[in-house]
Amino acid sequence: MGVSVKSQHLWEFIYDMLNNPAYNPQVLKWENQADGVFRFINSESVANLWGTLKSNENMTYEKLSRAMRYVVGDVCVTSDLRSYVVRIINCYLMKYIGGLGKEESSTFG
């Protein structure tokens, strides 16, 4: 039983884009993958694609960045979204991409 694309989390969507040559580096790109830092190159394209996935034709980067800030407790983001540079703070994702050291990893289980 697979997860519906529509139920995909925002951080999963962005991570998938970062690892897809159709989007990286044209739309967004890793600045430092080991630290989970990436940059939006074309923020409105990312917002439009996310809006299409979520059936929200009014999605903008402003709304997308607000959604990213709201997932901090569970997953995602710290940074200056105005400069389009973001750091992913998801312990499970960071372990997956190999970005957490032993001390940080043990903190998160």
Foldseek 3Di string as FASTA:
>chain_A
DDDDLLPDDPVVLVVVLQVDPVRPPPAKYAPDVLQQKIFGPNQQVSQCVNCVSNVHNPGGSVNVVVSQVVCVVAWAWDDDVVRRMTHTDHLVVSVVSNNDDPVVNVVVD
